[in-house]
């Protein structure tokens, strides 16, 4: 049986050929994801931006650099988690992906989740959270509250780009990420999980 990393590498090569929507025709390439797929934790944002599209890596622009600092503040190095987006190709002008584009890209996320079987997902921003948890989610209302998706626990929080625009949101994200770190440690130790939020 092939290991998780080999399976993801094969899936990434398949995704690079994807033409399920028109975004691939307007970007440099597919930004698949990176990090440790066996860490038990996956962080999911909206879509690649210009720097990500140019370098072929997720979260490496200003928002990504802030995300790195947030992760370090709660004891994670970037390479210790897996980072990706709900949409793998940059939308023109960094616009918000359409519902059709999100739906076209969803199988790539679902197939990775099936391979990786993470315990925890962190949804970075409203777009990612709604794509994963449903259109009725409101990030200002629901951030910081654990949700469930199958056996996986999901934490919606603000996107790092929102913190660059409004630094007052940093405290909320700090609390959310501390909860993520505590739950990750609890699960790795085999302890009882936090109480559940709603089920998606």
N, C-alpha and C. Protein backbone atom coordinates (compact mmCIF):
# COMPACT_ATOMS: atom_id res chain seq x y z
N UNK A 1 0.84 -1.20 0.00
CA UNK A 1 0.00 0.00 0.00
C UNK A 1 0.88 1.26 0.00
N UNK A 2 0.55 2.21 -0.90
CA UNK A 2 1.35 3.42 -1.00
C UNK A 2 1.10 4.33 0.21
N UNK A 3 2.14 5.09 0.59
CA UNK A 3 1.99 5.94 1.77
C UNK A 3 1.29 7.24 1.40
N UNK A 4 0.97 8.02 2.43
CA UNK A 4 0.19 9.24 2.26
C UNK A 4 0.90 10.22 1.33
N UNK A 5 2.19 10.42 1.51
CA UNK A 5 2.92 11.39 0.70
C UNK A 5 2.95 10.98 -0.77
N UNK A 6 3.12 9.70 -1.04
CA UNK A 6 3.13 9.22 -2.43
C UNK A 6 1.77 9.41 -3.07
N UNK A 7 0.71 9.11 -2.32
CA UNK A 7 -0.64 9.30 -2.84
C UNK A 7 -0.92 10.77 -3.13
N UNK A 8 -0.47 11.66 -2.24
CA UNK A 8 -0.69 13.09 -2.46
C UNK A 8 0.11 13.59 -3.65
N UNK A 9 1.31 13.09 -3.82
CA UNK A 9 2.13 13.49 -4.96
C UNK A 9 1.44 13.11 -6.27
N UNK A 10 0.88 11.92 -6.33
CA UNK A 10 0.16 11.48 -7.52
C UNK A 10 -1.08 12.32 -7.75
N UNK A 11 -1.78 12.65 -6.66
CA UNK A 11 -2.99 13.47 -6.78
C UNK A 11 -2.63 14.88 -7.23
N UNK A 12 -1.52 15.42 -6.74
CA UNK A 12 -1.09 16.74 -7.17
C UNK A 12 -0.77 16.78 -8.65
N UNK A 13 -0.15 15.73 -9.15
CA UNK A 13 0.15 15.66 -10.59
C UNK A 13 -1.14 15.60 -11.41
N UNK A 14 -2.14 14.91 -10.89
CA UNK A 14 -3.44 14.86 -11.55
C UNK A 14 -4.11 16.23 -11.53
N UNK A 15 -4.06 16.91 -10.37
CA UNK A 15 -4.69 18.22 -10.24
C UNK A 15 -4.06 19.24 -11.18
N UNK A 16 -2.76 19.11 -11.44
CA UNK A 16 -2.06 20.05 -12.32
C UNK A 16 -2.63 20.04 -13.74
N UNK A 17 -3.33 18.96 -14.09
CA UNK A 17 -3.92 18.85 -15.43
C UNK A 17 -5.40 19.22 -15.44
N UNK A 18 -5.93 19.67 -14.30
CA UNK A 18 -7.36 19.92 -14.18
C UNK A 18 -7.81 21.09 -15.06
N UNK A 19 -8.94 20.90 -15.72
CA UNK A 19 -9.59 21.96 -16.50
C UNK A 19 -11.09 21.99 -16.18
N UNK A 20 -11.43 21.70 -14.91
CA UNK A 20 -12.84 21.63 -14.53
C UNK A 20 -13.52 22.99 -14.55
N UNK A 21 -12.74 24.07 -14.45
CA UNK A 21 -13.29 25.42 -14.58
C UNK A 21 -12.31 26.24 -15.41
N UNK A 22 -12.64 27.51 -15.63
CA UNK A 22 -11.81 28.32 -16.50
C UNK A 22 -10.60 28.96 -15.84
N UNK A 23 -10.44 28.79 -14.51
CA UNK A 23 -9.36 29.48 -13.82
C UNK A 23 -7.98 29.04 -14.28
N UNK A 24 -7.85 27.79 -14.66
CA UNK A 24 -6.52 27.30 -15.06
C UNK A 24 -6.01 28.01 -16.29
N UNK A 25 -6.93 28.57 -17.09
CA UNK A 25 -6.52 29.26 -18.31
C UNK A 25 -6.00 30.66 -18.05
N UNK A 26 -6.19 31.17 -16.84
CA UNK A 26 -5.82 32.56 -16.55
C UNK A 26 -4.74 32.68 -15.48
N UNK A 27 -4.20 31.55 -15.01
CA UNK A 27 -3.17 31.57 -13.96
C UNK A 27 -1.92 30.85 -14.44
N UNK A 28 -0.86 30.99 -13.67
CA UNK A 28 0.39 30.32 -14.03
C UNK A 28 0.30 28.81 -13.85
N UNK A 29 -0.35 28.39 -12.76
CA UNK A 29 -0.43 26.96 -12.49
C UNK A 29 -1.25 26.66 -11.26
N UNK A 30 -1.44 25.40 -10.98
CA UNK A 30 -2.18 24.95 -9.81
C UNK A 30 -1.29 25.06 -8.58
N UNK A 31 -1.82 25.64 -7.51
CA UNK A 31 -1.11 25.73 -6.22
C UNK A 31 -1.74 24.68 -5.32
N UNK A 32 -1.13 23.52 -5.25
CA UNK A 32 -1.78 22.36 -4.67
C UNK A 32 -1.82 22.38 -3.14
N UNK A 33 -0.71 22.63 -2.51
CA UNK A 33 -0.62 22.60 -1.05
C UNK A 33 0.76 22.13 -0.63
N UNK A 34 1.08 22.35 0.65
CA UNK A 34 2.37 21.90 1.14
C UNK A 34 2.33 21.74 2.65
N UNK A 35 3.33 21.04 3.16
CA UNK A 35 3.43 20.81 4.60
C UNK A 35 3.41 19.34 4.92
N UNK A 36 3.11 19.03 6.17
CA UNK A 36 3.11 17.65 6.65
C UNK A 36 1.69 17.07 6.56
N UNK A 37 1.45 16.17 5.61
CA UNK A 37 0.10 15.62 5.44
C UNK A 37 -0.28 14.62 6.53
N UNK A 38 0.68 14.27 7.38
CA UNK A 38 0.40 13.31 8.45
C UNK A 38 0.37 13.98 9.83
N UNK A 39 0.28 15.31 9.82
CA UNK A 39 0.31 16.06 11.09
C UNK A 39 -1.01 15.98 11.85
N UNK A 40 -2.09 15.63 11.14
CA UNK A 40 -3.40 15.62 11.76
C UNK A 40 -4.10 16.96 11.69
N UNK A 41 -3.49 17.96 11.05
CA UNK A 41 -4.10 19.29 10.97
C UNK A 41 -3.91 19.88 9.58
N UNK A 42 -4.99 20.44 9.03
CA UNK A 42 -4.95 21.07 7.71
C UNK A 42 -5.53 22.47 7.82
N UNK A 43 -4.86 23.45 7.23
CA UNK A 43 -5.33 24.82 7.18
C UNK A 43 -5.77 25.12 5.75
N UNK A 44 -6.97 25.67 5.62
CA UNK A 44 -7.56 25.87 4.29
C UNK A 44 -7.97 27.33 4.14
N UNK A 45 -7.44 27.99 3.12
CA UNK A 45 -7.83 29.35 2.80
C UNK A 45 -8.72 29.40 1.58
N UNK A 46 -8.81 30.59 0.99
CA UNK A 46 -9.74 30.82 -0.11
C UNK A 46 -9.17 30.39 -1.46
N UNK A 47 -8.10 31.04 -1.88
CA UNK A 47 -7.51 30.80 -3.20
C UNK A 47 -6.13 31.43 -3.24
N UNK A 48 -5.26 31.00 -4.15
CA UNK A 48 -3.94 31.62 -4.26
C UNK A 48 -4.06 33.08 -4.70
N UNK A 49 -3.13 33.90 -4.23
CA UNK A 49 -3.00 35.27 -4.71
C UNK A 49 -1.88 35.36 -5.73
N UNK A 50 -1.47 36.57 -6.03
CA UNK A 50 -0.46 36.76 -7.07
C UNK A 50 0.88 36.15 -6.73
N UNK A 51 1.36 36.34 -5.50
CA UNK A 51 2.65 35.78 -5.10
C UNK A 51 2.59 34.25 -5.09
N UNK A 52 1.48 33.72 -4.61
CA UNK A 52 1.31 32.26 -4.56
C UNK A 52 1.28 31.68 -5.96
N UNK A 53 0.59 32.35 -6.87
CA UNK A 53 0.52 31.89 -8.25
C UNK A 53 1.90 31.91 -8.89
N UNK A 54 2.67 32.95 -8.60
CA UNK A 54 4.01 33.07 -9.19
C UNK A 54 4.95 31.99 -8.67
N UNK A 55 4.88 31.70 -7.36
CA UNK A 55 5.81 30.76 -6.74
C UNK A 55 5.29 29.34 -6.68
N UNK A 56 3.98 29.15 -6.91
CA UNK A 56 3.40 27.81 -6.86
C UNK A 56 3.27 27.25 -5.47
N UNK A 57 3.20 28.14 -4.45
CA UNK A 57 3.10 27.71 -3.06
C UNK A 57 1.98 28.49 -2.37
N UNK A 58 1.25 27.86 -1.47
CA UNK A 58 0.17 28.56 -0.79
C UNK A 58 0.67 29.44 0.35
N UNK A 59 0.00 30.55 0.56
CA UNK A 59 0.25 31.43 1.71
C UNK A 59 1.73 31.81 1.85
N UNK A 60 2.26 32.45 0.82
CA UNK A 60 3.65 32.92 0.88
C UNK A 60 3.75 34.43 0.68
N UNK A 61 2.62 35.11 0.44
CA UNK A 61 2.61 36.56 0.34
C UNK A 61 2.52 37.18 1.74
N UNK A 62 2.16 38.44 1.83
CA UNK A 62 2.07 39.10 3.14
C UNK A 62 1.15 38.38 4.13
N UNK A 63 -0.02 37.91 3.66
CA UNK A 63 -0.92 37.19 4.56
C UNK A 63 -0.30 35.87 5.00
N UNK A 64 0.43 35.22 4.11
CA UNK A 64 1.09 33.98 4.47
C UNK A 64 2.21 34.17 5.47
N UNK A 65 2.93 35.28 5.33
CA UNK A 65 3.98 35.57 6.31
C UNK A 65 3.39 35.82 7.69
N UNK A 66 2.22 36.47 7.73
CA UNK A 66 1.54 36.65 9.01
C UNK A 66 1.06 35.31 9.55
N UNK A 67 0.54 34.46 8.67
CA UNK A 67 0.12 33.12 9.11
C UNK A 67 1.28 32.35 9.72
N UNK A 68 2.45 32.45 9.13
CA UNK A 68 3.63 31.79 9.69
C UNK A 68 3.88 32.26 11.13
N UNK A 69 3.74 33.56 11.36
CA UNK A 69 3.98 34.10 12.69
C UNK A 69 2.89 33.64 13.67
N UNK A 70 1.67 33.57 13.19
CA UNK A 70 0.57 33.08 14.03
C UNK A 70 0.82 31.64 14.44
N UNK A 71 1.22 30.82 13.48
CA UNK A 71 1.51 29.41 13.78
C UNK A 71 2.63 29.29 14.80
N UNK A 72 3.70 30.05 14.60
CA UNK A 72 4.83 30.00 15.53
C UNK A 72 4.40 30.42 16.94
N UNK A 73 3.49 31.38 17.02
CA UNK A 73 3.06 31.88 18.32
C UNK A 73 2.35 30.81 19.14
N UNK A 74 1.74 29.82 18.46
CA UNK A 74 1.07 28.74 19.19
C UNK A 74 1.86 27.42 19.12
N UNK A 75 3.10 27.51 18.66
CA UNK A 75 3.98 26.35 18.74
C UNK A 75 4.04 25.46 17.53
N UNK A 76 3.56 25.95 16.38
CA UNK A 76 3.67 25.18 15.14
C UNK A 76 4.67 25.86 14.20
N UNK A 77 5.54 25.08 13.60
CA UNK A 77 6.28 25.57 12.45
C UNK A 77 5.45 25.31 11.20
N UNK A 78 5.63 26.13 10.21
CA UNK A 78 4.84 26.00 8.98
C UNK A 78 4.88 24.58 8.42
N UNK A 79 6.08 24.00 8.44
CA UNK A 79 6.23 22.67 7.83
C UNK A 79 5.61 21.56 8.67
N UNK A 80 5.12 21.89 9.86
CA UNK A 80 4.50 20.89 10.72
C UNK A 80 3.01 20.69 10.44
N UNK A 81 2.41 21.58 9.64
CA UNK A 81 1.00 21.47 9.32
C UNK A 81 0.86 21.39 7.80
N UNK A 82 -0.34 21.11 7.33
CA UNK A 82 -0.58 21.08 5.88
C UNK A 82 -1.42 22.30 5.52
N UNK A 83 -1.01 23.05 4.49
CA UNK A 83 -1.66 24.30 4.12
C UNK A 83 -2.11 24.23 2.67
N UNK A 84 -3.36 24.64 2.43
CA UNK A 84 -3.89 24.64 1.07
C UNK A 84 -5.02 25.66 0.97
N UNK A 85 -5.76 25.64 -0.13
CA UNK A 85 -6.91 26.51 -0.35
C UNK A 85 -8.07 25.71 -0.91
N UNK A 86 -9.28 26.27 -0.79
CA UNK A 86 -10.44 25.58 -1.35
C UNK A 86 -10.42 25.63 -2.87
N UNK A 87 -9.81 26.67 -3.44
CA UNK A 87 -9.63 26.80 -4.88
C UNK A 87 -8.14 26.84 -5.15
N UNK A 88 -7.68 26.04 -6.09
CA UNK A 88 -6.24 25.83 -6.28
C UNK A 88 -5.61 26.73 -7.35
N UNK A 89 -6.44 27.48 -8.07
CA UNK A 89 -5.93 28.38 -9.10
C UNK A 89 -6.31 29.82 -8.76
N UNK A 90 -5.42 30.74 -9.06
CA UNK A 90 -5.68 32.15 -8.74
C UNK A 90 -6.80 32.71 -9.61
N UNK A 91 -7.85 33.27 -9.00
CA UNK A 91 -8.86 33.97 -9.79
C UNK A 91 -8.28 35.28 -10.33
N UNK A 92 -8.69 35.69 -11.53
CA UNK A 92 -8.17 36.94 -12.10
C UNK A 92 -8.39 38.12 -11.16
N UNK A 93 -7.34 38.92 -10.99
CA UNK A 93 -7.46 40.09 -10.13
C UNK A 93 -7.66 39.79 -8.66
N UNK A 94 -7.38 38.55 -8.27
CA UNK A 94 -7.58 38.13 -6.87
C UNK A 94 -9.04 38.27 -6.42
N UNK A 95 -9.99 38.17 -7.36
CA UNK A 95 -11.40 38.24 -6.97
C UNK A 95 -11.78 37.00 -6.16
N UNK A 96 -12.92 37.09 -5.49
CA UNK A 96 -13.45 35.95 -4.75
C UNK A 96 -13.88 34.87 -5.75
N UNK A 97 -13.51 33.61 -5.52
CA UNK A 97 -13.95 32.55 -6.43
C UNK A 97 -15.47 32.45 -6.47
N UNK A 98 -16.00 32.14 -7.65
CA UNK A 98 -17.45 31.96 -7.78
C UNK A 98 -17.87 30.63 -7.14
N UNK A 99 -19.15 30.49 -6.80
CA UNK A 99 -19.63 29.20 -6.27
C UNK A 99 -19.35 28.04 -7.23
N UNK A 100 -19.43 28.32 -8.53
CA UNK A 100 -19.17 27.26 -9.50
C UNK A 100 -17.70 26.85 -9.49
N UNK A 101 -16.80 27.81 -9.31
CA UNK A 101 -15.38 27.49 -9.25
C UNK A 101 -15.05 26.73 -7.97
N UNK A 102 -15.64 27.14 -6.87
CA UNK A 102 -15.44 26.42 -5.61
C UNK A 102 -15.93 24.97 -5.73
N UNK A 103 -17.10 24.80 -6.33
CA UNK A 103 -17.66 23.45 -6.49
C UNK A 103 -16.78 22.59 -7.41
N UNK A 104 -16.25 23.21 -8.46
CA UNK A 104 -15.41 22.47 -9.40
C UNK A 104 -14.12 21.99 -8.73
N UNK A 105 -13.64 22.77 -7.77
CA UNK A 105 -12.37 22.44 -7.10
C UNK A 105 -12.57 21.57 -5.86
N UNK A 106 -13.78 21.44 -5.37
CA UNK A 106 -14.02 20.73 -4.11
C UNK A 106 -13.52 19.29 -4.12
N UNK A 107 -13.63 18.55 -5.24
CA UNK A 107 -13.14 17.16 -5.21
C UNK A 107 -11.66 17.05 -4.84
N UNK A 108 -10.85 18.05 -5.20
CA UNK A 108 -9.43 17.98 -4.85
C UNK A 108 -9.22 18.08 -3.35
N UNK A 109 -10.04 18.88 -2.67
CA UNK A 109 -9.96 18.93 -1.21
C UNK A 109 -10.48 17.63 -0.61
N UNK A 110 -11.62 17.17 -1.09
CA UNK A 110 -12.21 15.95 -0.53
C UNK A 110 -11.28 14.75 -0.70
N UNK A 111 -10.64 14.66 -1.84
CA UNK A 111 -9.75 13.51 -2.07
C UNK A 111 -8.51 13.58 -1.18
N UNK A 112 -8.02 14.79 -0.92
CA UNK A 112 -6.91 14.90 0.02
C UNK A 112 -7.32 14.56 1.44
N UNK A 113 -8.51 15.00 1.83
CA UNK A 113 -8.99 14.65 3.17
C UNK A 113 -9.12 13.14 3.33
N UNK A 114 -9.56 12.47 2.27
CA UNK A 114 -9.69 11.01 2.32
C UNK A 114 -8.33 10.34 2.47
N UNK A 115 -7.31 10.92 1.87
CA UNK A 115 -5.96 10.37 1.98
C UNK A 115 -5.33 10.70 3.32
N UNK A 116 -5.45 11.96 3.74
CA UNK A 116 -4.75 12.45 4.92
C UNK A 116 -5.45 12.09 6.22
N UNK A 117 -6.80 12.09 6.18
CA UNK A 117 -7.61 11.82 7.38
C UNK A 117 -7.19 12.72 8.56
N UNK A 118 -7.18 14.04 8.36
CA UNK A 118 -6.78 14.92 9.46
C UNK A 118 -7.82 14.93 10.58
N UNK A 119 -7.38 15.21 11.77
CA UNK A 119 -8.29 15.34 12.91
C UNK A 119 -8.90 16.73 12.97
N UNK A 120 -8.14 17.74 12.51
CA UNK A 120 -8.54 19.13 12.66
C UNK A 120 -8.35 19.88 11.35
N UNK A 121 -9.35 20.69 11.00
CA UNK A 121 -9.22 21.64 9.89
C UNK A 121 -9.42 23.04 10.44
N UNK A 122 -8.56 23.97 10.02
CA UNK A 122 -8.75 25.38 10.32
C UNK A 122 -9.16 26.07 9.03
N UNK A 123 -10.35 26.66 9.00
CA UNK A 123 -10.82 27.40 7.84
C UNK A 123 -10.44 28.86 8.01
N UNK A 124 -9.61 29.36 7.13
CA UNK A 124 -9.09 30.72 7.22
C UNK A 124 -9.96 31.64 6.38
N UNK A 125 -10.88 32.32 7.04
CA UNK A 125 -11.72 33.29 6.36
C UNK A 125 -13.10 32.78 6.00
N UNK A 126 -13.97 33.74 5.70
CA UNK A 126 -15.38 33.42 5.44
C UNK A 126 -15.56 32.54 4.21
N UNK A 127 -14.83 32.83 3.15
CA UNK A 127 -15.02 32.08 1.91
C UNK A 127 -14.68 30.60 2.11
N UNK A 128 -13.55 30.33 2.75
CA UNK A 128 -13.16 28.93 3.00
C UNK A 128 -14.15 28.26 3.95
N UNK A 129 -14.55 28.98 5.00
CA UNK A 129 -15.46 28.39 5.98
C UNK A 129 -16.81 28.06 5.36
N UNK A 130 -17.32 28.94 4.51
CA UNK A 130 -18.61 28.66 3.86
C UNK A 130 -18.47 27.52 2.86
N UNK A 131 -17.34 27.47 2.16
CA UNK A 131 -17.14 26.38 1.20
C UNK A 131 -17.14 25.02 1.88
N UNK A 132 -16.61 24.97 3.10
CA UNK A 132 -16.50 23.70 3.82
C UNK A 132 -17.75 23.40 4.65
N UNK A 133 -18.28 24.43 5.30
CA UNK A 133 -19.32 24.22 6.32
C UNK A 133 -20.72 24.63 5.88
N UNK A 134 -20.83 25.31 4.74
CA UNK A 134 -22.16 25.68 4.27
C UNK A 134 -22.33 27.18 4.15
N UNK A 135 -23.23 27.60 3.27
CA UNK A 135 -23.39 29.00 2.93
C UNK A 135 -23.97 29.84 4.06
N UNK A 136 -24.59 29.19 5.06
CA UNK A 136 -25.19 29.97 6.14
C UNK A 136 -24.17 30.40 7.20
N UNK A 137 -22.93 29.94 7.07
CA UNK A 137 -21.93 30.31 8.06
C UNK A 137 -21.59 31.79 7.96
N UNK A 138 -21.46 32.44 9.13
CA UNK A 138 -21.04 33.84 9.20
C UNK A 138 -19.79 33.90 10.06
N UNK A 139 -18.70 34.36 9.46
CA UNK A 139 -17.41 34.26 10.14
C UNK A 139 -17.37 35.09 11.42
N UNK A 140 -18.02 36.26 11.42
CA UNK A 140 -18.00 37.07 12.64
C UNK A 140 -18.83 36.43 13.75
N UNK A 141 -19.83 35.67 13.38
CA UNK A 141 -20.68 35.00 14.37
C UNK A 141 -20.10 33.65 14.80
N UNK A 142 -19.53 32.91 13.84
CA UNK A 142 -19.20 31.51 14.08
C UNK A 142 -17.72 31.24 14.33
N UNK A 143 -16.86 32.25 14.12
CA UNK A 143 -15.44 31.99 14.36
C UNK A 143 -15.24 31.65 15.83
N UNK A 144 -14.24 30.78 16.06
CA UNK A 144 -13.93 30.40 17.43
C UNK A 144 -14.81 29.30 17.99
N UNK A 145 -15.78 28.84 17.23
CA UNK A 145 -16.68 27.78 17.68
C UNK A 145 -16.39 26.50 16.88
N UNK A 146 -16.07 25.43 17.59
CA UNK A 146 -15.80 24.17 16.91
C UNK A 146 -17.04 23.70 16.15
N UNK A 147 -16.80 23.22 14.93
CA UNK A 147 -17.80 22.57 14.11
C UNK A 147 -17.30 21.15 13.84
N UNK A 148 -18.14 20.32 13.25
CA UNK A 148 -17.69 18.99 12.87
C UNK A 148 -18.04 18.72 11.41
N UNK A 149 -17.18 17.99 10.75
CA UNK A 149 -17.39 17.54 9.38
C UNK A 149 -16.98 16.07 9.35
N UNK A 150 -17.96 15.19 9.41
CA UNK A 150 -17.64 13.78 9.59
C UNK A 150 -16.99 13.59 10.95
N UNK A 151 -15.82 12.97 10.95
CA UNK A 151 -15.08 12.76 12.19
C UNK A 151 -14.10 13.91 12.48
N UNK A 152 -14.02 14.85 11.56
CA UNK A 152 -13.03 15.92 11.67
C UNK A 152 -13.62 17.13 12.39
N UNK A 153 -12.82 17.75 13.24
CA UNK A 153 -13.22 18.99 13.91
C UNK A 153 -12.74 20.17 13.08
N UNK A 154 -13.60 21.18 12.97
CA UNK A 154 -13.31 22.32 12.10
C UNK A 154 -13.42 23.61 12.91
N UNK A 155 -12.37 24.42 12.82
CA UNK A 155 -12.34 25.73 13.49
C UNK A 155 -12.35 26.84 12.44
N UNK A 156 -13.44 27.60 12.32
CA UNK A 156 -13.43 28.78 11.46
C UNK A 156 -12.77 29.95 12.19
N UNK A 157 -11.95 30.68 11.48
CA UNK A 157 -11.35 31.89 12.06
C UNK A 157 -11.12 32.90 10.94
N UNK A 158 -10.69 34.09 11.30
CA UNK A 158 -10.46 35.12 10.30
C UNK A 158 -9.25 34.77 9.43
N UNK A 159 -9.30 35.20 8.19
CA UNK A 159 -8.17 35.05 7.27
C UNK A 159 -7.06 36.02 7.69
N UNK A 160 -5.80 35.61 7.57
CA UNK A 160 -4.71 36.54 7.92
C UNK A 160 -4.79 37.87 7.18
N UNK A 161 -5.30 37.87 5.96
CA UNK A 161 -5.43 39.14 5.22
C UNK A 161 -6.37 40.10 5.93
N UNK A 162 -7.38 39.56 6.61
CA UNK A 162 -8.31 40.41 7.36
C UNK A 162 -7.59 41.07 8.53
N UNK A 163 -6.62 40.38 9.10
CA UNK A 163 -5.85 40.95 10.21
C UNK A 163 -4.94 42.07 9.73
N UNK A 164 -4.45 41.94 8.49
CA UNK A 164 -3.63 43.01 7.94
C UNK A 164 -4.46 44.27 7.74
N UNK A 165 -5.73 44.09 7.38
CA UNK A 165 -6.62 45.25 7.20
C UNK A 165 -7.13 45.79 8.54
N UNK A 166 -7.33 44.89 9.50
CA UNK A 166 -7.92 45.27 10.79
C UNK A 166 -7.20 44.54 11.91
N UNK A 167 -6.11 45.13 12.43
CA UNK A 167 -5.33 44.45 13.46
C UNK A 167 -6.11 44.13 14.74
N UNK A 168 -7.25 44.76 14.95
CA UNK A 168 -8.03 44.46 16.15
C UNK A 168 -8.54 43.02 16.15
N UNK A 169 -8.53 42.36 15.00
CA UNK A 169 -8.98 40.97 14.92
C UNK A 169 -7.90 39.98 15.39
N UNK A 170 -6.70 40.46 15.61
CA UNK A 170 -5.60 39.54 15.97
C UNK A 170 -5.88 38.79 17.27
N UNK A 171 -6.49 39.46 18.25
CA UNK A 171 -6.78 38.80 19.52
C UNK A 171 -7.71 37.61 19.33
N UNK A 172 -8.74 37.77 18.49
CA UNK A 172 -9.68 36.68 18.24
C UNK A 172 -8.97 35.48 17.61
N UNK A 173 -8.12 35.76 16.62
CA UNK A 173 -7.41 34.66 15.96
C UNK A 173 -6.43 33.99 16.92
N UNK A 174 -5.80 34.77 17.76
CA UNK A 174 -4.90 34.21 18.77
C UNK A 174 -5.65 33.23 19.67
N UNK A 175 -6.85 33.61 20.12
CA UNK A 175 -7.65 32.71 20.96
C UNK A 175 -8.07 31.47 20.18
N UNK A 176 -8.47 31.65 18.93
CA UNK A 176 -8.89 30.51 18.11
C UNK A 176 -7.74 29.53 17.92
N UNK A 177 -6.56 30.06 17.62
CA UNK A 177 -5.43 29.18 17.35
C UNK A 177 -4.90 28.52 18.61
N UNK A 178 -5.03 29.19 19.75
CA UNK A 178 -4.69 28.53 21.01
C UNK A 178 -5.61 27.34 21.24
N UNK A 179 -6.90 27.50 20.92
CA UNK A 179 -7.84 26.39 21.06
C UNK A 179 -7.50 25.24 20.11
N UNK A 180 -7.07 25.60 18.90
CA UNK A 180 -6.66 24.57 17.94
C UNK A 180 -5.45 23.80 18.47
N UNK A 181 -4.46 24.53 18.97
CA UNK A 181 -3.27 23.86 19.49
C UNK A 181 -3.63 22.94 20.66
N UNK A 182 -4.49 23.42 21.57
CA UNK A 182 -4.86 22.61 22.72
C UNK A 182 -5.61 21.35 22.29
N UNK A 183 -6.50 21.50 21.32
CA UNK A 183 -7.26 20.33 20.85
C UNK A 183 -6.35 19.34 20.13
N UNK A 184 -5.42 19.85 19.33
CA UNK A 184 -4.47 18.99 18.63
C UNK A 184 -3.64 18.19 19.64
N UNK A 185 -3.18 18.85 20.68
CA UNK A 185 -2.40 18.15 21.70
C UNK A 185 -3.25 17.12 22.44
N UNK A 186 -4.50 17.47 22.71
CA UNK A 186 -5.40 16.55 23.40
C UNK A 186 -5.64 15.28 22.57
N UNK A 187 -5.89 15.49 21.30
CA UNK A 187 -6.16 14.35 20.42
C UNK A 187 -4.92 13.47 20.26
N UNK A 188 -3.77 14.10 20.13
CA UNK A 188 -2.53 13.32 20.00
C UNK A 188 -2.23 12.51 21.27
N UNK A 189 -2.66 13.05 22.41
CA UNK A 189 -2.44 12.34 23.67
C UNK A 189 -3.53 11.31 23.95
N UNK A 190 -4.53 11.27 23.08
CA UNK A 190 -5.61 10.31 23.28
C UNK A 190 -6.62 10.73 24.33
N UNK A 191 -6.64 12.03 24.67
CA UNK A 191 -7.55 12.52 25.69
C UNK A 191 -8.91 12.83 25.12
N UNK A 192 -9.86 13.21 25.98
CA UNK A 192 -11.21 13.53 25.53
C UNK A 192 -11.21 14.83 24.76
N UNK A 193 -11.97 14.92 23.66
CA UNK A 193 -12.02 16.15 22.86
C UNK A 193 -12.85 17.22 23.55
N UNK A 194 -12.67 18.44 23.04
CA UNK A 194 -13.52 19.54 23.46
C UNK A 194 -14.97 19.23 23.10
N UNK A 195 -15.91 19.90 23.76
CA UNK A 195 -17.33 19.70 23.41
C UNK A 195 -17.55 20.17 21.98
N UNK A 196 -18.47 19.52 21.31
CA UNK A 196 -18.70 19.77 19.89
C UNK A 196 -19.57 21.02 19.68
N UNK A 197 -19.37 21.66 18.54
CA UNK A 197 -20.29 22.68 18.06
C UNK A 197 -21.32 22.02 17.17
N UNK A 198 -21.79 22.76 16.16
CA UNK A 198 -22.77 22.15 15.28
C UNK A 198 -22.09 21.22 14.29
N UNK A 199 -22.87 20.35 13.68
CA UNK A 199 -22.38 19.40 12.69
C UNK A 199 -22.74 19.90 11.31
N UNK A 200 -21.75 19.96 10.43
CA UNK A 200 -22.02 20.42 9.07
C UNK A 200 -22.51 19.26 8.22
